[in-house]
N, C-alpha and C. Protein backbone atom coordinates (compact mmCIF):
# COMPACT_ATOMS: atom_id res chain seq x y z
N MET A 1 -34.23 -32.43 3.61
CA MET A 1 -34.07 -32.00 2.23
C MET A 1 -34.63 -30.60 2.02
N ALA A 2 -35.60 -30.23 2.76
CA ALA A 2 -36.21 -28.91 2.60
C ALA A 2 -35.22 -27.81 2.97
N GLU A 3 -34.33 -28.11 3.92
CA GLU A 3 -33.37 -27.11 4.34
C GLU A 3 -32.37 -26.79 3.22
N ILE A 4 -31.97 -27.77 2.45
CA ILE A 4 -31.03 -27.54 1.35
C ILE A 4 -31.68 -26.67 0.28
N ASP A 5 -32.93 -26.95 -0.04
CA ASP A 5 -33.63 -26.12 -1.03
C ASP A 5 -33.76 -24.68 -0.52
N PHE A 6 -34.06 -24.53 0.74
CA PHE A 6 -34.18 -23.20 1.32
C PHE A 6 -32.85 -22.45 1.26
N GLU A 7 -31.79 -23.15 1.60
CA GLU A 7 -30.46 -22.54 1.58
C GLU A 7 -30.09 -22.09 0.16
N ARG A 8 -30.35 -22.91 -0.83
CA ARG A 8 -30.03 -22.56 -2.22
C ARG A 8 -30.85 -21.36 -2.68
N ARG A 9 -32.12 -21.33 -2.34
CA ARG A 9 -32.98 -20.21 -2.73
C ARG A 9 -32.53 -18.93 -2.04
N LEU A 10 -32.14 -19.04 -0.78
CA LEU A 10 -31.65 -17.89 -0.04
C LEU A 10 -30.35 -17.35 -0.64
N GLU A 11 -29.47 -18.25 -1.03
CA GLU A 11 -28.22 -17.84 -1.67
C GLU A 11 -28.49 -17.13 -2.98
N ARG A 12 -29.44 -17.62 -3.77
CA ARG A 12 -29.78 -16.97 -5.03
C ARG A 12 -30.36 -15.58 -4.79
N LEU A 13 -31.17 -15.44 -3.76
CA LEU A 13 -31.75 -14.13 -3.47
C LEU A 13 -30.69 -13.11 -3.06
N PHE A 14 -29.73 -13.53 -2.26
CA PHE A 14 -28.66 -12.63 -1.87
C PHE A 14 -27.67 -12.40 -3.00
N GLY A 15 -27.52 -13.37 -3.89
CA GLY A 15 -26.60 -13.23 -5.01
C GLY A 15 -27.11 -12.27 -6.06
N ASP A 16 -28.42 -12.20 -6.25
CA ASP A 16 -29.02 -11.31 -7.26
C ASP A 16 -29.58 -10.09 -6.55
N ALA A 17 -28.76 -9.04 -6.48
CA ALA A 17 -29.22 -7.81 -5.83
C ALA A 17 -30.18 -7.09 -6.78
N PRO A 18 -31.25 -6.53 -6.26
CA PRO A 18 -32.18 -5.82 -7.14
C PRO A 18 -31.56 -4.53 -7.66
N ASP A 19 -31.93 -4.19 -8.89
CA ASP A 19 -31.43 -2.95 -9.49
C ASP A 19 -32.20 -1.77 -8.92
N MET A 20 -31.45 -0.73 -8.60
CA MET A 20 -32.07 0.49 -8.11
C MET A 20 -32.45 1.34 -9.32
N GLY A 21 -33.46 2.12 -9.18
CA GLY A 21 -33.94 2.93 -10.28
C GLY A 21 -32.99 4.04 -10.67
N ASP A 22 -32.23 4.56 -9.71
CA ASP A 22 -31.33 5.68 -10.00
C ASP A 22 -29.86 5.24 -10.01
N ALA A 23 -29.59 3.99 -10.36
CA ALA A 23 -28.22 3.47 -10.34
C ALA A 23 -27.33 4.22 -11.34
N ALA A 24 -27.84 4.48 -12.54
CA ALA A 24 -27.04 5.17 -13.55
C ALA A 24 -26.74 6.61 -13.12
N ALA A 25 -27.73 7.29 -12.57
CA ALA A 25 -27.53 8.66 -12.13
C ALA A 25 -26.54 8.71 -10.96
N PHE A 26 -26.63 7.74 -10.06
CA PHE A 26 -25.71 7.68 -8.92
C PHE A 26 -24.28 7.46 -9.41
N ALA A 27 -24.10 6.56 -10.36
CA ALA A 27 -22.76 6.28 -10.90
C ALA A 27 -22.20 7.52 -11.59
N GLN A 28 -23.04 8.23 -12.32
CA GLN A 28 -22.59 9.44 -13.01
C GLN A 28 -22.17 10.52 -12.01
N ARG A 29 -22.95 10.71 -10.94
CA ARG A 29 -22.59 11.71 -9.92
C ARG A 29 -21.28 11.34 -9.22
N ALA A 30 -21.11 10.05 -8.94
CA ALA A 30 -19.87 9.62 -8.27
C ALA A 30 -18.66 9.85 -9.18
N GLU A 31 -18.79 9.56 -10.46
CA GLU A 31 -17.68 9.78 -11.39
C GLU A 31 -17.36 11.26 -11.53
N GLN A 32 -18.37 12.11 -11.54
CA GLN A 32 -18.14 13.55 -11.63
C GLN A 32 -17.40 14.07 -10.39
N ARG A 33 -17.76 13.56 -9.23
CA ARG A 33 -17.07 13.98 -8.00
C ARG A 33 -15.61 13.55 -8.01
N LEU A 34 -15.37 12.32 -8.49
CA LEU A 34 -13.99 11.84 -8.53
C LEU A 34 -13.16 12.60 -9.55
N ASP A 35 -13.73 12.91 -10.71
CA ASP A 35 -12.99 13.62 -11.75
C ASP A 35 -12.77 15.09 -11.41
N ARG A 36 -13.64 15.67 -10.63
CA ARG A 36 -13.57 17.09 -10.32
C ARG A 36 -12.31 17.44 -9.53
N GLY A 37 -11.89 16.57 -8.64
CA GLY A 37 -10.78 16.89 -7.75
C GLY A 37 -9.41 16.63 -8.33
N TRP A 38 -9.29 15.99 -9.50
CA TRP A 38 -7.98 15.63 -10.01
C TRP A 38 -7.15 16.85 -10.41
N THR A 39 -7.75 17.87 -10.95
CA THR A 39 -6.97 19.05 -11.36
C THR A 39 -6.35 19.72 -10.15
N ALA A 40 -7.13 19.91 -9.12
CA ALA A 40 -6.59 20.52 -7.91
C ALA A 40 -5.53 19.64 -7.27
N ARG A 41 -5.73 18.34 -7.28
CA ARG A 41 -4.74 17.42 -6.70
C ARG A 41 -3.43 17.48 -7.47
N ARG A 42 -3.52 17.52 -8.79
CA ARG A 42 -2.31 17.58 -9.60
C ARG A 42 -1.52 18.85 -9.29
N TRP A 43 -2.20 19.97 -9.20
CA TRP A 43 -1.53 21.23 -8.90
C TRP A 43 -0.90 21.21 -7.51
N LEU A 44 -1.63 20.66 -6.53
CA LEU A 44 -1.08 20.61 -5.17
C LEU A 44 0.13 19.69 -5.08
N ILE A 45 0.05 18.54 -5.74
CA ILE A 45 1.19 17.62 -5.71
C ILE A 45 2.39 18.23 -6.43
N GLY A 46 2.15 18.89 -7.56
CA GLY A 46 3.24 19.54 -8.29
C GLY A 46 3.87 20.65 -7.47
N ALA A 47 3.05 21.47 -6.81
CA ALA A 47 3.58 22.56 -5.99
C ALA A 47 4.38 22.01 -4.81
N ALA A 48 3.88 20.94 -4.20
CA ALA A 48 4.61 20.34 -3.07
C ALA A 48 5.95 19.77 -3.54
N GLY A 49 5.97 19.14 -4.72
CA GLY A 49 7.21 18.61 -5.26
C GLY A 49 8.21 19.70 -5.59
N LEU A 50 7.72 20.79 -6.16
CA LEU A 50 8.59 21.92 -6.48
C LEU A 50 9.17 22.54 -5.20
N ALA A 51 8.31 22.71 -4.20
CA ALA A 51 8.79 23.28 -2.93
C ALA A 51 9.82 22.36 -2.28
N GLY A 52 9.56 21.06 -2.31
CA GLY A 52 10.50 20.11 -1.73
C GLY A 52 11.83 20.11 -2.48
N GLY A 53 11.77 20.20 -3.80
CA GLY A 53 13.00 20.26 -4.59
C GLY A 53 13.81 21.51 -4.30
N LEU A 54 13.12 22.64 -4.18
CA LEU A 54 13.83 23.89 -3.86
C LEU A 54 14.46 23.83 -2.47
N ILE A 55 13.74 23.30 -1.52
CA ILE A 55 14.28 23.18 -0.16
C ILE A 55 15.49 22.25 -0.15
N GLY A 56 15.38 21.12 -0.86
CA GLY A 56 16.50 20.19 -0.93
C GLY A 56 17.73 20.80 -1.59
N ALA A 57 17.51 21.53 -2.70
CA ALA A 57 18.64 22.17 -3.39
C ALA A 57 19.28 23.23 -2.50
N SER A 58 18.48 23.99 -1.78
CA SER A 58 19.06 25.01 -0.91
C SER A 58 19.83 24.37 0.24
N GLN A 59 19.36 23.26 0.74
CA GLN A 59 20.08 22.57 1.82
C GLN A 59 21.42 22.04 1.31
N LEU A 60 21.44 21.53 0.07
CA LEU A 60 22.70 21.06 -0.49
C LEU A 60 23.69 22.20 -0.66
N MET A 61 23.20 23.32 -1.11
CA MET A 61 24.08 24.47 -1.32
C MET A 61 24.61 25.01 0.01
N MET A 62 23.77 25.01 1.03
CA MET A 62 24.18 25.53 2.32
C MET A 62 25.15 24.59 3.04
N SER A 63 25.14 23.32 2.72
CA SER A 63 26.01 22.37 3.41
C SER A 63 27.37 22.22 2.74
N ASN A 64 27.66 23.02 1.72
CA ASN A 64 28.95 22.97 1.01
C ASN A 64 29.25 21.57 0.49
N VAL A 65 28.29 21.00 -0.20
CA VAL A 65 28.44 19.64 -0.69
C VAL A 65 29.57 19.53 -1.71
N VAL A 66 29.81 20.56 -2.50
CA VAL A 66 30.88 20.51 -3.50
C VAL A 66 32.23 20.43 -2.82
N GLN A 67 32.41 21.19 -1.75
CA GLN A 67 33.68 21.17 -1.02
C GLN A 67 33.87 19.80 -0.35
N GLN A 68 32.81 19.23 0.19
CA GLN A 68 32.93 17.93 0.84
C GLN A 68 33.25 16.83 -0.16
N VAL A 69 32.70 16.92 -1.38
CA VAL A 69 33.02 15.93 -2.42
C VAL A 69 34.48 16.05 -2.82
N ALA A 70 34.98 17.28 -2.94
CA ALA A 70 36.38 17.48 -3.28
C ALA A 70 37.30 16.92 -2.18
N THR A 71 36.92 17.12 -0.93
CA THR A 71 37.70 16.59 0.18
C THR A 71 37.70 15.06 0.17
N ALA A 72 36.55 14.47 -0.11
CA ALA A 72 36.46 13.01 -0.17
C ALA A 72 37.29 12.47 -1.33
N GLU A 73 37.30 13.19 -2.46
CA GLU A 73 38.10 12.75 -3.60
C GLU A 73 39.59 12.80 -3.26
N HIS A 74 40.01 13.86 -2.57
CA HIS A 74 41.41 13.97 -2.15
C HIS A 74 41.78 12.84 -1.18
N SER A 75 40.87 12.53 -0.26
CA SER A 75 41.12 11.45 0.69
C SER A 75 41.23 10.11 -0.03
N ALA A 76 40.41 9.90 -1.03
CA ALA A 76 40.47 8.65 -1.78
C ALA A 76 41.78 8.53 -2.54
N ARG A 77 42.25 9.62 -3.10
CA ARG A 77 43.54 9.58 -3.81
C ARG A 77 44.67 9.27 -2.84
N THR A 78 44.65 9.88 -1.67
CA THR A 78 45.68 9.63 -0.66
C THR A 78 45.66 8.18 -0.21
N LEU A 79 44.48 7.65 0.00
CA LEU A 79 44.35 6.26 0.42
C LEU A 79 44.84 5.30 -0.66
N SER A 80 44.48 5.54 -1.90
CA SER A 80 44.93 4.65 -2.97
C SER A 80 46.44 4.74 -3.16
N ALA A 81 47.03 5.93 -2.99
CA ALA A 81 48.48 6.05 -3.08
C ALA A 81 49.16 5.28 -1.96
N GLY A 82 48.61 5.35 -0.77
CA GLY A 82 49.18 4.61 0.35
C GLY A 82 49.06 3.10 0.16
N LEU A 83 47.93 2.65 -0.38
CA LEU A 83 47.76 1.22 -0.60
C LEU A 83 48.63 0.70 -1.74
N SER A 84 48.94 1.57 -2.70
CA SER A 84 49.78 1.11 -3.80
C SER A 84 51.22 0.90 -3.36
N ARG A 85 51.64 1.56 -2.29
CA ARG A 85 53.00 1.37 -1.77
C ARG A 85 53.14 0.04 -1.03
N VAL A 86 52.04 -0.46 -0.49
CA VAL A 86 52.10 -1.72 0.24
C VAL A 86 52.18 -2.86 -0.77
N THR A 87 53.19 -3.67 -0.67
CA THR A 87 53.34 -4.79 -1.60
C THR A 87 52.84 -6.05 -0.91
N PRO A 88 52.03 -6.82 -1.60
CA PRO A 88 51.54 -8.06 -0.98
C PRO A 88 52.67 -9.06 -0.81
N THR A 89 52.69 -9.73 0.34
CA THR A 89 53.74 -10.70 0.59
C THR A 89 53.48 -12.00 -0.15
N THR A 90 52.24 -12.36 -0.35
CA THR A 90 51.93 -13.57 -1.11
C THR A 90 50.87 -13.23 -2.14
N ASP A 91 50.94 -13.90 -3.20
CA ASP A 91 49.96 -13.68 -4.26
C ASP A 91 48.76 -14.59 -4.01
N MET A 92 47.54 -14.09 -4.26
CA MET A 92 46.34 -14.87 -4.01
C MET A 92 46.26 -16.11 -4.89
N VAL A 93 46.71 -15.99 -6.12
CA VAL A 93 46.65 -17.13 -7.04
C VAL A 93 47.58 -18.23 -6.57
N SER A 94 48.78 -17.87 -6.11
CA SER A 94 49.71 -18.89 -5.64
C SER A 94 49.21 -19.53 -4.36
N ALA A 95 48.47 -18.79 -3.52
CA ALA A 95 47.93 -19.37 -2.29
C ALA A 95 46.84 -20.38 -2.60
N LEU A 96 46.00 -20.08 -3.58
CA LEU A 96 44.92 -21.00 -3.92
C LEU A 96 45.38 -22.15 -4.81
N SER A 97 46.53 -22.01 -5.45
CA SER A 97 46.99 -23.09 -6.32
C SER A 97 47.54 -24.26 -5.52
N GLY A 98 47.88 -24.05 -4.26
CA GLY A 98 48.35 -25.13 -3.42
C GLY A 98 47.17 -25.95 -2.91
N GLY A 99 47.32 -26.60 -1.79
CA GLY A 99 46.28 -27.44 -1.23
C GLY A 99 45.13 -26.66 -0.63
N TYR A 100 45.32 -25.36 -0.35
CA TYR A 100 44.28 -24.56 0.27
C TYR A 100 43.05 -24.42 -0.62
N GLY A 101 43.27 -24.25 -1.91
CA GLY A 101 42.15 -24.09 -2.84
C GLY A 101 41.27 -25.32 -2.87
N VAL A 102 41.91 -26.50 -2.80
CA VAL A 102 41.15 -27.75 -2.81
C VAL A 102 40.31 -27.86 -1.54
N TRP A 103 40.88 -27.50 -0.40
CA TRP A 103 40.14 -27.59 0.85
C TRP A 103 38.98 -26.59 0.91
N VAL A 104 39.18 -25.43 0.33
CA VAL A 104 38.10 -24.46 0.27
C VAL A 104 36.97 -24.99 -0.60
N ALA A 105 37.29 -25.60 -1.73
CA ALA A 105 36.27 -26.17 -2.62
C ALA A 105 35.53 -27.31 -1.93
N VAL A 106 36.26 -28.15 -1.20
CA VAL A 106 35.62 -29.26 -0.48
C VAL A 106 34.69 -28.72 0.60
N GLY A 107 35.13 -27.70 1.32
CA GLY A 107 34.29 -27.11 2.36
C GLY A 107 33.01 -26.51 1.77
N LEU A 108 33.12 -25.81 0.66
CA LEU A 108 31.94 -25.26 0.01
C LEU A 108 31.00 -26.35 -0.49
N ALA A 109 31.55 -27.44 -0.97
CA ALA A 109 30.72 -28.56 -1.43
C ALA A 109 29.96 -29.17 -0.26
N VAL A 110 30.61 -29.30 0.89
CA VAL A 110 29.95 -29.86 2.07
C VAL A 110 28.83 -28.94 2.54
N VAL A 111 29.07 -27.65 2.55
CA VAL A 111 28.04 -26.70 2.95
C VAL A 111 26.86 -26.76 1.99
N THR A 112 27.15 -26.84 0.70
CA THR A 112 26.08 -26.92 -0.31
C THR A 112 25.26 -28.19 -0.14
N MET A 113 25.93 -29.30 0.12
CA MET A 113 25.20 -30.56 0.35
C MET A 113 24.34 -30.46 1.61
N GLY A 114 24.84 -29.78 2.63
CA GLY A 114 24.05 -29.60 3.85
C GLY A 114 22.78 -28.81 3.58
N PHE A 115 22.90 -27.74 2.78
CA PHE A 115 21.72 -26.97 2.41
C PHE A 115 20.74 -27.81 1.60
N ALA A 116 21.26 -28.61 0.67
CA ALA A 116 20.38 -29.44 -0.17
C ALA A 116 19.66 -30.48 0.68
N VAL A 117 20.38 -31.11 1.60
CA VAL A 117 19.75 -32.12 2.45
C VAL A 117 18.70 -31.50 3.35
N SER A 118 18.99 -30.33 3.91
CA SER A 118 17.99 -29.69 4.77
C SER A 118 16.75 -29.29 3.97
N ARG A 119 16.92 -28.89 2.72
CA ARG A 119 15.78 -28.54 1.87
C ARG A 119 14.94 -29.77 1.56
N VAL A 120 15.59 -30.91 1.27
CA VAL A 120 14.86 -32.15 0.98
C VAL A 120 14.10 -32.61 2.22
N ILE A 121 14.73 -32.52 3.39
CA ILE A 121 14.06 -32.92 4.63
C ILE A 121 12.88 -32.02 4.92
N GLU A 122 13.02 -30.74 4.62
CA GLU A 122 11.92 -29.78 4.82
C GLU A 122 10.74 -30.09 3.90
N GLU A 123 11.02 -30.54 2.69
CA GLU A 123 9.96 -30.85 1.73
C GLU A 123 9.21 -32.14 2.11
N ILE A 124 9.89 -33.02 2.80
CA ILE A 124 9.25 -34.29 3.18
C ILE A 124 8.36 -34.08 4.31
């Protein structure tokens, strides 16, 4: 029984740290050091962001991004014109209105039940 009392007293001693005489002054000095560097950090981060933005903008201008976008737009128009000429041989709605739509629904239901059963087995 003496060991339990000793353990509890030891825990209380470590739990209650003694106050230092200069704790307030130490906290004030630490806060001043942390606050002092924020202005310089803000300026450095802002300058780095500005430099990065300028470099990125110059790289975009040098790579002729406007011309490449125009070329991509022309290619997209050509592709859509070519696809509009192709006529579908069967309509998707008519394909699913037959027996295929029912089989797809049954297959999805079986897969869903498989996932549900595996989840229940995992929980057990």
